[in-house]
């Protein structure tokens, strides 16, 4: 049971990392769009 919990915890950590990276890249893309919008 503990092994399963450890696997789930590891998966959650990786999932959160992916979410943070995705959120960060979304922000960067949004900033890029705003910059290109102001230039246009």
N, C-alpha and C. Protein backbone atom coordinates (compact mmCIF):
# COMPACT_ATOMS: atom_id res chain seq x y z
N UNK A 1 0.84 -1.21 0.00
CA UNK A 1 0.00 0.00 0.00
C UNK A 1 0.87 1.26 0.00
N UNK A 2 1.91 1.25 0.81
CA UNK A 2 2.80 2.41 0.90
C UNK A 2 3.49 2.66 -0.45
N UNK A 3 3.84 1.56 -1.13
CA UNK A 3 4.49 1.67 -2.44
C UNK A 3 3.57 2.38 -3.44
N UNK A 4 2.31 2.00 -3.41
CA UNK A 4 1.31 2.62 -4.29
C UNK A 4 1.18 4.11 -3.98
N UNK A 5 1.16 4.42 -2.69
CA UNK A 5 1.06 5.82 -2.27
C UNK A 5 2.25 6.62 -2.76
N UNK A 6 3.44 6.02 -2.65
CA UNK A 6 4.65 6.70 -3.11
C UNK A 6 4.59 6.95 -4.61
N UNK A 7 4.07 5.98 -5.36
CA UNK A 7 3.93 6.15 -6.81
C UNK A 7 2.95 7.27 -7.13
N UNK A 8 1.85 7.31 -6.40
CA UNK A 8 0.85 8.36 -6.62
C UNK A 8 1.43 9.73 -6.28
N UNK A 9 2.20 9.79 -5.19
CA UNK A 9 2.81 11.05 -4.77
C UNK A 9 3.79 11.53 -5.84
N UNK A 10 4.59 10.60 -6.38
CA UNK A 10 5.55 10.92 -7.43
C UNK A 10 4.83 11.43 -8.67
N UNK A 11 3.72 10.78 -9.02
CA UNK A 11 2.93 11.18 -10.18
C UNK A 11 2.36 12.58 -9.97
N UNK A 12 1.86 12.86 -8.76
CA UNK A 12 1.30 14.18 -8.46
C UNK A 12 2.36 15.26 -8.57
N UNK A 13 3.56 14.96 -8.07
CA UNK A 13 4.65 15.94 -8.16
C UNK A 13 4.97 16.24 -9.61
N UNK A 14 5.05 15.20 -10.44
CA UNK A 14 5.32 15.39 -11.86
C UNK A 14 4.17 16.13 -12.53
N UNK A 15 2.94 15.78 -12.16
CA UNK A 15 1.77 16.46 -12.71
C UNK A 15 1.75 17.93 -12.39
N UNK A 16 2.09 18.26 -11.14
CA UNK A 16 2.12 19.66 -10.72
C UNK A 16 3.21 20.41 -11.47
N UNK A 17 4.35 19.75 -11.69
CA UNK A 17 5.44 20.37 -12.43
C UNK A 17 4.99 20.69 -13.85
N UNK A 18 4.29 19.74 -14.48
CA UNK A 18 3.78 19.94 -15.84
C UNK A 18 2.79 21.11 -15.87
N UNK A 19 1.91 21.16 -14.85
CA UNK A 19 0.93 22.25 -14.77
C UNK A 19 1.63 23.60 -14.63
N UNK A 20 2.64 23.65 -13.77
CA UNK A 20 3.39 24.90 -13.56
C UNK A 20 4.09 25.31 -14.85
N UNK A 21 4.73 24.35 -15.53
CA UNK A 21 5.42 24.65 -16.78
C UNK A 21 4.43 25.13 -17.84
N UNK A 22 3.26 24.47 -17.91
CA UNK A 22 2.23 24.84 -18.87
C UNK A 22 1.73 26.25 -18.58
N UNK A 23 1.45 26.52 -17.29
CA UNK A 23 0.95 27.83 -16.87
C UNK A 23 1.97 28.91 -17.21
N UNK A 24 3.25 28.62 -16.95
CA UNK A 24 4.31 29.58 -17.23
C UNK A 24 4.41 29.84 -18.73
N UNK A 25 4.38 28.78 -19.54
CA UNK A 25 4.48 28.94 -20.99
C UNK A 25 3.27 29.69 -21.54
N UNK A 26 2.08 29.44 -20.95
CA UNK A 26 0.88 30.18 -21.36
C UNK A 26 1.08 31.67 -21.11
N UNK A 27 1.63 32.01 -19.95
CA UNK A 27 1.88 33.42 -19.61
C UNK A 27 2.86 34.02 -20.61
N UNK A 28 3.92 33.27 -20.93
CA UNK A 28 4.93 33.77 -21.87
C UNK A 28 4.32 33.97 -23.25
N UNK A 29 3.48 33.03 -23.69
CA UNK A 29 2.80 33.15 -24.99
C UNK A 29 1.89 34.37 -24.98
N UNK A 30 1.18 34.56 -23.87
CA UNK A 30 0.27 35.70 -23.74
C UNK A 30 1.04 37.02 -23.80
N UNK A 31 2.20 37.07 -23.12
CA UNK A 31 3.05 38.26 -23.16
C UNK A 31 3.51 38.53 -24.59
N UNK A 32 3.90 37.45 -25.28
CA UNK A 32 4.35 37.56 -26.67
C UNK A 32 3.25 38.10 -27.57
N UNK A 33 2.03 37.63 -27.35
CA UNK A 33 0.89 38.10 -28.14
C UNK A 33 0.61 39.57 -27.86
N UNK A 34 0.71 39.96 -26.60
CA UNK A 34 0.49 41.36 -26.25
C UNK A 34 1.54 42.25 -26.91
N UNK A 35 2.80 41.81 -26.85
CA UNK A 35 3.89 42.59 -27.46
C UNK A 35 3.68 42.73 -28.96
N UNK A 36 3.35 41.63 -29.63
CA UNK A 36 3.14 41.67 -31.07
C UNK A 36 1.89 42.49 -31.39
N UNK A 37 0.91 42.47 -30.49
CA UNK A 37 -0.31 43.26 -30.67
C UNK A 37 -0.02 44.75 -30.59
N UNK A 38 0.86 45.12 -29.66
CA UNK A 38 1.21 46.53 -29.51
C UNK A 38 2.04 47.02 -30.70
N UNK A 39 2.89 46.11 -31.23
CA UNK A 39 3.72 46.47 -32.38
C UNK A 39 2.86 46.67 -33.63
N UNK A 40 1.83 45.85 -33.78
CA UNK A 40 1.00 45.88 -34.99
C UNK A 40 0.20 47.18 -35.10
